[in-house]
Amino acid sequence: GAPDVEVAEDCDPGEFEDGSRMAELAEAGEINVGVRFD
């Protein structure tokens, strides 16, 4: 029921600065996120 977040059609993983963690994650297409379950 929450707002359904989708990647924008024009999203470009190459827009992040080379060597930044954001660029690494975007290029890999994977990420680990710590959240609560309780």
Full PDB file with SEQRES, HELIX, SHEET, SSBOND, CRYST1, ORIGX, SCALE, CONECT and MASTER records, all heavy atoms in Angstrom:
SEQRES   1 A   38  GLY ALA PRO ASP VAL GLU VAL ALA GLU ASP CYS ASP PRO          
SEQRES   2 A   38  GLY GLU PHE GLU ASP GLY SER ARG MET ALA GLU LEU ALA          
SEQRES   3 A   38  GLU ALA GLY GLU ILE ASN VAL GLY VAL ARG PHE ASP              
HELIX    1 AA1 PRO A   13  GLU A   15  5                                   3    
HELIX    2 AA2 ARG A   21  ALA A   28  1                                   8    
CRYST1    1.000    1.000    1.000  90.00  90.00  90.00 P 1           1          
ORIGX1      1.000000  0.000000  0.000000        0.00000                         
ORIGX2      0.000000  1.000000  0.000000        0.00000                         
ORIGX3      0.000000  0.000000  1.000000        0.00000                         
SCALE1      1.000000  0.000000  0.000000        0.00000                         
SCALE2      0.000000  1.000000  0.000000        0.00000                         
SCALE3      0.000000  0.000000  1.000000        0.00000                         
ATOM      1  N   GLY A   1       0.782  -1.207   0.000  1.00  0.00           N  
ATOM      2  CA  GLY A   1       0.000   0.000   0.000  1.00  0.00           C  
ATOM      3  C   GLY A   1       0.818   1.262   0.000  1.00  0.00           C  
ATOM      4  O   GLY A   1       0.283   2.344  -0.164  1.00  0.00           O  
ATOM      5  N   ALA A   2       2.140   1.155   0.201  1.00  0.00           N  
ATOM      6  CA  ALA A   2       2.998   2.324   0.197  1.00  0.00           C  
ATOM      7  C   ALA A   2       3.231   2.785  -1.240  1.00  0.00           C  
ATOM      8  O   ALA A   2       3.026   2.023  -2.187  1.00  0.00           O  
ATOM      9  CB  ALA A   2       4.323   1.988   0.876  1.00  0.00           C  
ATOM     10  N   PRO A   3       3.643   4.057  -1.427  1.00  0.00           N  
ATOM     11  CA  PRO A   3       3.975   4.515  -2.771  1.00  0.00           C  
ATOM     12  C   PRO A   3       4.962   3.543  -3.425  1.00  0.00           C  
ATOM     13  O   PRO A   3       5.950   3.157  -2.812  1.00  0.00           O  
ATOM     14  CB  PRO A   3       4.618   5.886  -2.526  1.00  0.00           C  
ATOM     15  CG  PRO A   3       4.033   6.339  -1.239  1.00  0.00           C  
ATOM     16  CD  PRO A   3       3.863   5.097  -0.420  1.00  0.00           C  
ATOM     17  N   ASP A   4       4.681   3.150  -4.664  1.00  0.00           N  
ATOM     18  CA  ASP A   4       5.484   2.150  -5.339  1.00  0.00           C  
ATOM     19  C   ASP A   4       6.639   2.837  -6.050  1.00  0.00           C  
ATOM     20  O   ASP A   4       6.453   3.520  -7.052  1.00  0.00           O  
ATOM     21  CB  ASP A   4       4.600   1.401  -6.337  1.00  0.00           C  
ATOM     22  CG  ASP A   4       5.110   0.026  -6.656  1.00  0.00           C  
ATOM     23  OD1 ASP A   4       6.069  -0.402  -5.992  1.00  0.00           O  
ATOM     24  OD2 ASP A   4       4.555  -0.618  -7.557  1.00  0.00           O  
ATOM     25  N   VAL A   5       7.846   2.687  -5.529  1.00  0.00           N  
ATOM     26  CA  VAL A   5       9.005   3.384  -6.076  1.00  0.00           C  
ATOM     27  C   VAL A   5       9.613   2.571  -7.202  1.00  0.00           C  
ATOM     28  O   VAL A   5       9.913   1.389  -7.036  1.00  0.00           O  
ATOM     29  CB  VAL A   5      10.061   3.624  -4.972  1.00  0.00           C  
ATOM     30  CG1 VAL A   5      11.275   4.343  -5.549  1.00  0.00           C  
ATOM     31  CG2 VAL A   5       9.460   4.426  -3.829  1.00  0.00           C  
ATOM     32  N   GLU A   6       9.790   3.199  -8.351  1.00  0.00           N  
ATOM     33  CA  GLU A   6      10.401   2.541  -9.497  1.00  0.00           C  
ATOM     34  C   GLU A   6      11.571   3.364 -10.008  1.00  0.00           C  
ATOM     35  O   GLU A   6      11.620   4.585  -9.837  1.00  0.00           O  
ATOM     36  CB  GLU A   6       9.383   2.354 -10.623  1.00  0.00           C  
ATOM     37  CG  GLU A   6       8.274   1.368 -10.291  1.00  0.00           C  
ATOM     38  CD  GLU A   6       7.407   1.074 -11.497  1.00  0.00           C  
ATOM     39  OE1 GLU A   6       7.495   1.832 -12.495  1.00  0.00           O  
ATOM     40  OE2 GLU A   6       6.649   0.100 -11.451  1.00  0.00           O  
ATOM     41  N   VAL A   7      12.504   2.701 -10.644  1.00  0.00           N  
ATOM     42  CA  VAL A   7      13.643   3.388 -11.259  1.00  0.00           C  
ATOM     43  C   VAL A   7      13.152   4.184 -12.465  1.00  0.00           C  
ATOM     44  O   VAL A   7      12.363   3.688 -13.275  1.00  0.00           O  
ATOM     45  CB  VAL A   7      14.707   2.367 -11.700  1.00  0.00           C  
ATOM     46  CG1 VAL A   7      15.875   3.068 -12.386  1.00  0.00           C  
ATOM     47  CG2 VAL A   7      15.195   1.562 -10.498  1.00  0.00           C  
ATOM     48  N   ALA A   8      13.605   5.422 -12.584  1.00  0.00           N  
ATOM     49  CA  ALA A   8      13.197   6.258 -13.716  1.00  0.00           C  
ATOM     50  C   ALA A   8      13.707   5.674 -15.029  1.00  0.00           C  
ATOM     51  O   ALA A   8      14.780   5.065 -15.088  1.00  0.00           O  
ATOM     52  CB  ALA A   8      13.730   7.678 -13.532  1.00  0.00           C  
ATOM     53  N   GLU A   9      12.933   5.843 -16.078  1.00  0.00           N  
ATOM     54  CA  GLU A   9      13.292   5.277 -17.376  1.00  0.00           C  
ATOM     55  C   GLU A   9      14.619   5.829 -17.890  1.00  0.00           C  
ATOM     56  O   GLU A   9      15.349   5.134 -18.602  1.00  0.00           O  
ATOM     57  CB  GLU A   9      12.179   5.543 -18.391  1.00  0.00           C  
ATOM     58  CG  GLU A   9      10.879   4.803 -18.078  1.00  0.00           C  
ATOM     59  CD  GLU A   9       9.789   5.103 -19.072  1.00  0.00           C  
ATOM     60  OE1 GLU A   9      10.054   5.879 -20.027  1.00  0.00           O  
ATOM     61  OE2 GLU A   9       8.670   4.572 -18.910  1.00  0.00           O  
ATOM     62  N   ASP A  10      14.943   7.069 -17.539  1.00  0.00           N  
ATOM     63  CA  ASP A  10      16.184   7.680 -18.026  1.00  0.00           C  
ATOM     64  C   ASP A  10      17.326   7.562 -17.022  1.00  0.00           C  
ATOM     65  O   ASP A  10      18.337   8.246 -17.133  1.00  0.00           O  
ATOM     66  CB  ASP A  10      15.952   9.150 -18.376  1.00  0.00           C  
ATOM     67  CG  ASP A  10      15.498   9.982 -17.182  1.00  0.00           C  
ATOM     68  OD1 ASP A  10      15.174   9.374 -16.121  1.00  0.00           O  
ATOM     69  OD2 ASP A  10      15.466  11.219 -17.302  1.00  0.00           O  
ATOM     70  N   CYS A  11      17.174   6.688 -16.023  1.00  0.00           N  
ATOM     71  CA  CYS A  11      18.216   6.533 -15.013  1.00  0.00           C  
ATOM     72  C   CYS A  11      19.496   5.999 -15.661  1.00  0.00           C  
ATOM     73  O   CYS A  11      19.472   5.009 -16.400  1.00  0.00           O  
ATOM     74  CB  CYS A  11      17.752   5.577 -13.917  1.00  0.00           C  
ATOM     75  SG  CYS A  11      18.753   5.631 -12.426  1.00  0.00           S  
ATOM     76  N   ASP A  12      20.613   6.640 -15.389  1.00  0.00           N  
ATOM     77  CA  ASP A  12      21.898   6.287 -16.003  1.00  0.00           C  
ATOM     78  C   ASP A  12      22.926   5.995 -14.912  1.00  0.00           C  
ATOM     79  O   ASP A  12      23.384   6.909 -14.231  1.00  0.00           O  
ATOM     80  CB  ASP A  12      22.386   7.433 -16.885  1.00  0.00           C  
ATOM     81  CG  ASP A  12      23.725   7.145 -17.535  1.00  0.00           C  
ATOM     82  OD1 ASP A  12      24.216   6.005 -17.421  1.00  0.00           O  
ATOM     83  OD2 ASP A  12      24.287   8.076 -18.154  1.00  0.00           O  
ATOM     84  N   PRO A  13      23.316   4.733 -14.731  1.00  0.00           N  
ATOM     85  CA  PRO A  13      24.313   4.403 -13.708  1.00  0.00           C  
ATOM     86  C   PRO A  13      25.634   5.124 -13.902  1.00  0.00           C  
ATOM     87  O   PRO A  13      26.411   5.284 -12.954  1.00  0.00           O  
ATOM     88  CB  PRO A  13      24.487   2.882 -13.872  1.00  0.00           C  
ATOM     89  CG  PRO A  13      23.249   2.411 -14.553  1.00  0.00           C  
ATOM     90  CD  PRO A  13      22.838   3.539 -15.451  1.00  0.00           C  
ATOM     91  N   GLY A  14      25.895   5.566 -15.135  1.00  0.00           N  
ATOM     92  CA  GLY A  14      27.154   6.249 -15.424  1.00  0.00           C  
ATOM     93  C   GLY A  14      27.196   7.691 -14.981  1.00  0.00           C  
ATOM     94  O   GLY A  14      28.236   8.363 -15.151  1.00  0.00           O  
ATOM     95  N   GLU A  15      26.100   8.221 -14.423  1.00  0.00           N  
ATOM     96  CA  GLU A  15      26.062   9.625 -14.019  1.00  0.00           C  
ATOM     97  C   GLU A  15      26.870   9.899 -12.752  1.00  0.00           C  
ATOM     98  O   GLU A  15      27.215  11.035 -12.459  1.00  0.00           O  
ATOM     99  CB  GLU A  15      24.617  10.071 -13.800  1.00  0.00           C  
ATOM    100  CG  GLU A  15      23.817  10.183 -15.091  1.00  0.00           C  
ATOM    101  CD  GLU A  15      22.434  10.747 -14.848  1.00  0.00           C  
ATOM    102  OE1 GLU A  15      22.183  11.263 -13.732  1.00  0.00           O  
ATOM    103  OE2 GLU A  15      21.603  10.675 -15.758  1.00  0.00           O  
ATOM    104  N   PHE A  16      27.156   8.843 -11.973  1.00  0.00           N  
ATOM    105  CA  PHE A  16      27.899   9.052 -10.728  1.00  0.00           C  
ATOM    106  C   PHE A  16      29.394   9.180 -11.014  1.00  0.00           C  
ATOM    107  O   PHE A  16      29.914   8.593 -11.965  1.00  0.00           O  
ATOM    108  CB  PHE A  16      27.639   7.898  -9.770  1.00  0.00           C  
ATOM    109  CG  PHE A  16      26.218   7.805  -9.300  1.00  0.00           C  
ATOM    110  CD1 PHE A  16      25.345   6.859  -9.842  1.00  0.00           C  
ATOM    111  CD2 PHE A  16      25.736   8.677  -8.333  1.00  0.00           C  
ATOM    112  CE1 PHE A  16      24.022   6.782  -9.419  1.00  0.00           C  
ATOM    113  CE2 PHE A  16      24.416   8.607  -7.904  1.00  0.00           C  
ATOM    114  CZ  PHE A  16      23.557   7.656  -8.448  1.00  0.00           C  
ATOM    115  N   GLU A  17      30.060   9.931 -10.155  1.00  0.00           N  
ATOM    116  CA  GLU A  17      31.499  10.168 -10.328  1.00  0.00           C  
ATOM    117  C   GLU A  17      32.275   8.859 -10.253  1.00  0.00           C  
ATOM    118  O   GLU A  17      32.040   8.023  -9.379  1.00  0.00           O  
ATOM    119  CB  GLU A  17      31.994  11.129  -9.253  1.00  0.00           C  
ATOM    120  CG  GLU A  17      33.454  11.508  -9.404  1.00  0.00           C  
ATOM    121  CD  GLU A  17      33.890  12.517  -8.357  1.00  0.00           C  
ATOM    122  OE1 GLU A  17      33.017  13.053  -7.648  1.00  0.00           O  
ATOM    123  OE2 GLU A  17      35.104  12.752  -8.240  1.00  0.00           O  
ATOM    124  N   ASP A  18      33.199   8.672 -11.192  1.00  0.00           N  
ATOM    125  CA  ASP A  18      34.021   7.466 -11.213  1.00  0.00           C  
ATOM    126  C   ASP A  18      34.727   7.282  -9.872  1.00  0.00           C  
ATOM    127  O   ASP A  18      35.277   8.242  -9.307  1.00  0.00           O  
ATOM    128  CB  ASP A  18      35.075   7.547 -12.322  1.00  0.00           C  
ATOM    129  CG  ASP A  18      34.467   7.406 -13.710  1.00  0.00           C  
ATOM    130  OD1 ASP A  18      33.308   6.976 -13.796  1.00  0.00           O  
ATOM    131  OD2 ASP A  18      35.151   7.747 -14.691  1.00  0.00           O  
ATOM    132  N   GLY A  19      34.723   6.059  -9.378  1.00  0.00           N  
ATOM    133  CA  GLY A  19      35.400   5.761  -8.121  1.00  0.00           C  
ATOM    134  C   GLY A  19      34.559   5.970  -6.890  1.00  0.00           C  
ATOM    135  O   GLY A  19      34.947   5.544  -5.796  1.00  0.00           O  
ATOM    136  N   SER A  20      33.405   6.624  -7.038  1.00  0.00           N  
ATOM    137  CA  SER A  20      32.529   6.835  -5.881  1.00  0.00           C  
ATOM    138  C   SER A  20      31.811   5.533  -5.546  1.00  0.00           C  
ATOM    139  O   SER A  20      31.641   4.652  -6.401  1.00  0.00           O  
ATOM    140  CB  SER A  20      31.504   7.933  -6.161  1.00  0.00           C  
ATOM    141  OG  SER A  20      30.562   7.509  -7.134  1.00  0.00           O  
ATOM    142  N   ARG A  21      31.409   5.407  -4.298  1.00  0.00           N  
ATOM    143  CA  ARG A  21      30.680   4.205  -3.901  1.00  0.00           C  
ATOM    144  C   ARG A  21      29.353   4.114  -4.647  1.00  0.00           C  
ATOM    145  O   ARG A  21      28.905   3.009  -4.995  1.00  0.00           O  
ATOM    146  CB  ARG A  21      30.445   4.202  -2.384  1.00  0.00           C  
ATOM    147  CG  ARG A  21      29.771   2.925  -1.866  1.00  0.00           C  
ATOM    148  CD  ARG A  21      30.578   1.700  -2.242  1.00  0.00           C  
ATOM    149  NE  ARG A  21      29.975   0.456  -1.728  1.00  0.00           N  
ATOM    150  CZ  ARG A  21      30.216  -0.735  -2.241  1.00  0.00           C  
ATOM    151  NH1 ARG A  21      31.052  -0.876  -3.278  1.00  0.00           N  
ATOM    152  NH2 ARG A  21      29.653  -1.809  -1.720  1.00  0.00           N  
ATOM    153  N   MET A  22      28.738   5.257  -4.924  1.00  0.00           N  
ATOM    154  CA  MET A  22      27.483   5.232  -5.671  1.00  0.00           C  
ATOM    155  C   MET A  22      27.693   4.651  -7.072  1.00  0.00           C  
ATOM    156  O   MET A  22      26.881   3.857  -7.547  1.00  0.00           O  
ATOM    157  CB  MET A  22      26.895   6.635  -5.781  1.00  0.00           C  
ATOM    158  CG  MET A  22      26.481   7.238  -4.451  1.00  0.00           C  
ATOM    159  SD  MET A  22      27.885   7.987  -3.570  1.00  0.00           S  
ATOM    160  CE  MET A  22      28.153   9.461  -4.554  1.00  0.00           C  
ATOM    161  N   ALA A  23      28.799   5.029  -7.725  1.00  0.00           N  
ATOM    162  CA  ALA A  23      29.096   4.501  -9.057  1.00  0.00           C  
ATOM    163  C   ALA A  23      29.322   3.002  -9.003  1.00  0.00           C  
ATOM    164  O   ALA A  23      28.858   2.251  -9.879  1.00  0.00           O  
ATOM    165  CB  ALA A  23      30.315   5.205  -9.643  1.00  0.00           C  
ATOM    166  N   GLU A  24      30.034   2.539  -7.969  1.00  0.00           N  
ATOM    167  CA  GLU A  24      30.298   1.110  -7.821  1.00  0.00           C  
ATOM    168  C   GLU A  24      29.009   0.322  -7.647  1.00  0.00           C  
ATOM    169  O   GLU A  24      28.814  -0.734  -8.261  1.00  0.00           O  
ATOM    170  CB  GLU A  24      31.228   0.876  -6.635  1.00  0.00           C  
ATOM    171  CG  GLU A  24      32.631   1.435  -6.834  1.00  0.00           C  
ATOM    172  CD  GLU A  24      33.473   1.363  -5.568  1.00  0.00           C  
ATOM    173  OE1 GLU A  24      32.945   0.914  -4.527  1.00  0.00           O  
ATOM    174  OE2 GLU A  24      34.652   1.748  -5.617  1.00  0.00           O  
ATOM    175  N   LEU A  25      28.125   0.832  -6.797  1.00  0.00           N  
ATOM    176  CA  LEU A  25      26.870   0.142  -6.539  1.00  0.00           C  
ATOM    177  C   LEU A  25      25.968   0.149  -7.777  1.00  0.00           C  
ATOM    178  O   LEU A  25      25.349  -0.866  -8.114  1.00  0.00           O  
ATOM    179  CB  LEU A  25      26.143   0.788  -5.362  1.00  0.00           C  
ATOM    180  CG  LEU A  25      26.820   0.637  -3.996  1.00  0.00           C  
ATOM    181  CD1 LEU A  25      26.168   1.566  -2.970  1.00  0.00           C  
ATOM    182  CD2 LEU A  25      26.751  -0.804  -3.513  1.00  0.00           C  
ATOM    183  N   ALA A  26      25.893   1.296  -8.433  1.00  0.00           N  
ATOM    184  CA  ALA A  26      25.045   1.407  -9.622  1.00  0.00           C  
ATOM    185  C   ALA A  26      25.537   0.482 -10.724  1.00  0.00           C  
ATOM    186  O   ALA A  26      24.743  -0.168 -11.415  1.00  0.00           O  
ATOM    187  CB  ALA A  26      25.009   2.848 -10.104  1.00  0.00           C  
ATOM    188  N   GLU A  27      26.851   0.409 -10.895  1.00  0.00           N  
ATOM    189  CA  GLU A  27      27.410  -0.461 -11.927  1.00  0.00           C  
ATOM    190  C   GLU A  27      27.171  -1.930 -11.602  1.00  0.00           C  
ATOM    191  O   GLU A  27      26.828  -2.738 -12.477  1.00  0.00           O  
ATOM    192  CB  GLU A  27      28.914  -0.204 -12.077  1.00  0.00           C  
ATOM    193  CG  GLU A  27      29.560  -1.036 -13.177  1.00  0.00           C  
ATOM    194  CD  GLU A  27      31.040  -0.728 -13.348  1.00  0.00           C  
ATOM    195  OE1 GLU A  27      31.549   0.177 -12.665  1.00  0.00           O  
ATOM    196  OE2 GLU A  27      31.678  -1.418 -14.163  1.00  0.00           O  
ATOM    197  N   ALA A  28      27.336  -2.288 -10.326  1.00  0.00           N  
ATOM    198  CA  ALA A  28      27.116  -3.672  -9.916  1.00  0.00           C  
ATOM    199  C   ALA A  28      25.647  -4.054  -9.967  1.00  0.00           C  
ATOM    200  O   ALA A  28      25.295  -5.225 -10.167  1.00  0.00           O  
ATOM    201  CB  ALA A  28      27.663  -3.886  -8.504  1.00  0.00           C  
ATOM    202  N   GLY A  29      24.777  -3.064  -9.757  1.00  0.00           N  
ATOM    203  CA  GLY A  29      23.343  -3.335  -9.754  1.00  0.00           C  
ATOM    204  C   GLY A  29      22.882  -4.100  -8.532  1.00  0.00           C  
ATOM    205  O   GLY A  29      21.817  -4.723  -8.550  1.00  0.00           O  
ATOM    206  N   GLU A  30      23.656  -4.013  -7.457  1.00  0.00           N  
ATOM    207  CA  GLU A  30      23.329  -4.713  -6.218  1.00  0.00           C  
ATOM    208  C   GLU A  30      23.685  -3.844  -5.026  1.00  0.00           C  
ATOM    209  O   GLU A  30      24.643  -3.059  -5.083  1.00  0.00           O  
ATOM    210  CB  GLU A  30      24.096  -6.041  -6.117  1.00  0.00           C  
ATOM    211  CG  GLU A  30      23.741  -7.047  -7.187  1.00  0.00           C  
ATOM    212  CD  GLU A  30      24.544  -8.326  -7.047  1.00  0.00           C  
ATOM    213  OE1 GLU A  30      25.537  -8.327  -6.272  1.00  0.00           O  
ATOM    214  OE2 GLU A  30      24.196  -9.320  -7.700  1.00  0.00           O  
ATOM    215  N   ILE A  31      22.942  -4.009  -3.922  1.00  0.00           N  
ATOM    216  CA  ILE A  31      23.212  -3.228  -2.719  1.00  0.00           C  
ATOM    217  C   ILE A  31      22.690  -3.975  -1.500  1.00  0.00           C  
ATOM    218  O   ILE A  31      21.698  -4.723  -1.590  1.00  0.00           O  
ATOM    219  CB  ILE A  31      22.565  -1.821  -2.806  1.00  0.00           C  
ATOM    220  CG1 ILE A  31      23.004  -0.943  -1.626  1.00  0.00           C  
ATOM    221  CG2 ILE A  31      21.051  -1.917  -2.915  1.00  0.00           C  
ATOM    222  CD1 ILE A  31      22.579   0.521  -1.764  1.00  0.00           C  
ATOM    223  N   ASN A  32      23.351  -3.808  -0.363  1.00  0.00           N  
ATOM    224  CA  ASN A  32      22.917  -4.364   0.916  1.00  0.00           C  
ATOM    225  C   ASN A  32      22.473  -3.220   1.818  1.00  0.00           C  
ATOM    226  O   ASN A  32      23.235  -2.262   2.027  1.00  0.00           O  
ATOM    227  CB  ASN A  32      24.054  -5.133   1.590  1.00  0.00           C  
ATOM    228  CG  ASN A  32      24.520  -6.322   0.778  1.00  0.00           C  
ATOM    229  OD1 ASN A  32      23.718  -7.128   0.341  1.00  0.00           O  
ATOM    230  ND2 ASN A  32      25.824  -6.424   0.557  1.00  0.00           N  
ATOM    231  N   VAL A  33      21.263  -3.322   2.330  1.00  0.00           N  
ATOM    232  CA  VAL A  33      20.690  -2.256   3.149  1.00  0.00           C  
ATOM    233  C   VAL A  33      20.235  -2.829   4.484  1.00  0.00           C  
ATOM    234  O   VAL A  33      19.441  -3.783   4.522  1.00  0.00           O  
ATOM    235  CB  VAL A  33      19.495  -1.577   2.449  1.00  0.00           C  
ATOM    236  CG1 VAL A  33      18.968  -0.419   3.288  1.00  0.00           C  
ATOM    237  CG2 VAL A  33      19.892  -1.095   1.058  1.00  0.00           C  
ATOM    238  N   GLY A  34      20.717  -2.256   5.586  1.00  0.00           N  
ATOM    239  CA  GLY A  34      20.317  -2.698   6.912  1.00  0.00           C  
ATOM    240  C   GLY A  34      19.050  -2.002   7.370  1.00  0.00           C  
ATOM    241  O   GLY A  34      18.998  -0.773   7.423  1.00  0.00           O  
ATOM    242  N   VAL A  35      18.016  -2.782   7.686  1.00  0.00           N  
ATOM    243  CA  VAL A  35      16.741  -2.241   8.179  1.00  0.00           C  
ATOM    244  C   VAL A  35      16.243  -3.105   9.337  1.00  0.00           C  
ATOM    245  O   VAL A  35      16.710  -4.222   9.551  1.00  0.00           O  
ATOM    246  CB  VAL A  35      15.666  -2.191   7.068  1.00  0.00           C  
ATOM    247  CG1 VAL A  35      16.079  -1.251   5.951  1.00  0.00           C  
ATOM    248  CG2 VAL A  35      15.381  -3.587   6.512  1.00  0.00           C  
ATOM    249  N   ARG A  36      15.276  -2.580  10.089  1.00  0.00           N  
ATOM    250  CA  ARG A  36      14.668  -3.347  11.166  1.00  0.00           C  
ATOM    251  C   ARG A  36      13.592  -4.277  10.609  1.00  0.00           C  
ATOM    252  O   ARG A  36      12.952  -3.966   9.612  1.00  0.00           O  
ATOM    253  CB  ARG A  36      14.040  -2.411  12.208  1.00  0.00           C  
ATOM    254  CG  ARG A  36      14.983  -1.417  12.848  1.00  0.00           C  
ATOM    255  CD  ARG A  36      16.098  -2.077  13.609  1.00  0.00           C  
ATOM    256  NE  ARG A  36      15.623  -2.821  14.744  1.00  0.00           N  
ATOM    257  CZ  ARG A  36      15.909  -2.505  16.016  1.00  0.00           C  
ATOM    258  NH1 ARG A  36      16.648  -1.458  16.297  1.00  0.00           N  
ATOM    259  NH2 ARG A  36      15.460  -3.258  17.001  1.00  0.00           N  
ATOM    260  N   PHE A  37      13.411  -5.406  11.293  1.00  0.00           N  
ATOM    261  CA  PHE A  37      12.347  -6.339  10.936  1.00  0.00           C  
ATOM    262  C   PHE A  37      11.275  -6.412  12.018  1.00  0.00           C  
ATOM    263  O   PHE A  37      10.299  -7.152  11.868  1.00  0.00           O  
ATOM    264  CB  PHE A  37      12.914  -7.748  10.727  1.00  0.00           C  
ATOM    265  CG  PHE A  37      13.608  -7.985   9.407  1.00  0.00           C  
ATOM    266  CD1 PHE A  37      13.969  -6.938   8.574  1.00  0.00           C  
ATOM    267  CD2 PHE A  37      13.901  -9.270   8.998  1.00  0.00           C  
ATOM    268  CE1 PHE A  37      14.612  -7.159   7.362  1.00  0.00           C  
ATOM    269  CE2 PHE A  37      14.536  -9.517   7.789  1.00  0.00           C  
ATOM    270  CZ  PHE A  37      14.899  -8.459   6.964  1.00  0.00           C  
ATOM    271  N   ASP A  38      11.469  -5.674  13.131  1.00  0.00           N  
ATOM    272  CA  ASP A  38      10.597  -5.867  14.291  1.00  0.00           C  
ATOM    273  C   ASP A  38       9.924  -4.591  14.766  1.00  0.00           C  
ATOM    274  O   ASP A  38       9.447  -4.523  15.886  1.00  0.00           O  
ATOM    275  CB  ASP A  38      11.394  -6.475  15.449  1.00  0.00           C  
ATOM    276  CG  ASP A  38      12.442  -5.518  16.012  1.00  0.00           C  
ATOM    277  OD1 ASP A  38      12.942  -4.651  15.248  1.00  0.00           O  
ATOM    278  OD2 ASP A  38      12.767  -5.630  17.206  1.00  0.00           O  
TER     279      ASP A  38                                                      
MASTER        0    0    0    2    0    0    0    6  278    1    0    3          
END                                                                             
